[in-house]
Protein backbone atom coordinates (compact mmCIF):
# COMPACT_ATOMS: atom_id res chain seq x y z
CA UNK A 1 78.18 54.25 41.31
CA UNK A 2 78.17 57.87 42.40
CA UNK A 3 77.49 59.12 38.88
CA UNK A 4 74.47 56.84 38.49
CA UNK A 5 73.05 57.97 41.84
CA UNK A 6 73.67 61.60 41.01
CA UNK A 7 72.04 61.53 37.58
CA UNK A 8 68.96 59.70 38.92
CA UNK A 9 68.60 62.15 41.84
CA UNK A 10 69.03 65.25 39.69
CA UNK A 11 66.60 63.92 37.10
CA UNK A 12 63.99 63.15 39.76
CA UNK A 13 64.31 66.54 41.43
CA UNK A 14 64.21 68.55 38.21
CA UNK A 15 61.11 66.70 37.05
CA UNK A 16 59.53 67.37 40.44
CA UNK A 17 60.33 71.09 40.32
CA UNK A 18 59.03 71.45 36.78
CA UNK A 19 55.81 69.62 37.66
CA UNK A 20 55.26 71.97 40.62
CA UNK A 21 55.45 74.85 38.17
CA UNK A 22 53.11 73.20 35.68
CA UNK A 23 55.83 72.55 33.13
CA UNK A 24 56.71 69.34 31.37
CA UNK A 25 60.08 67.67 31.59
CA UNK A 26 60.03 65.89 28.24
CA UNK A 27 62.67 68.22 26.84
CA UNK A 28 65.24 67.27 29.49
CA UNK A 29 68.08 64.98 28.50
CA UNK A 30 70.62 63.38 30.78
CA UNK A 31 73.82 61.71 29.67
CA UNK A 32 75.83 59.30 31.77
CA UNK A 33 79.34 58.74 30.43
CA UNK A 34 81.54 55.78 31.22
CA UNK A 35 84.61 54.15 29.74
CA UNK A 36 83.12 50.68 30.32
CA UNK A 37 80.63 48.66 28.28
CA UNK A 38 78.16 48.62 31.19
CA UNK A 39 77.21 50.90 34.04
CA UNK A 40 78.21 49.77 37.53
CA UNK A 41 80.67 47.23 36.17
CA UNK A 42 81.94 46.36 39.67
CA UNK A 43 78.46 45.41 40.91
CA UNK A 44 76.80 42.03 40.54
CA UNK A 45 74.88 41.23 37.33
CA UNK A 46 71.42 41.68 38.89
CA UNK A 47 72.26 45.19 40.11
CA UNK A 48 73.71 46.10 36.71
CA UNK A 49 70.63 44.76 34.94
CA UNK A 50 68.28 46.63 37.26
CA UNK A 51 70.01 49.98 36.83
CA UNK A 52 70.42 49.48 33.09
CA UNK A 53 66.64 48.97 32.93
CA UNK A 54 65.91 52.00 35.15
CA UNK A 55 68.22 54.26 33.18
CA UNK A 56 66.67 53.04 29.93
CA UNK A 57 63.14 53.71 31.19
CA UNK A 58 64.03 57.20 32.31
CA UNK A 59 65.73 58.03 29.05
């Protein structure tokens, strides 16, 4: 769970900083690695589905 939180926070902040400087963030890529088939495999299915959707939307 910590990796998901970290990547979402870093992505948000970097996009914010770039926007303040008038620069786009389209070139940024973030990769979340796991040895499981799904992120947050210990969480309930609704939480997994929500974060899978959020991560997909954010690229």
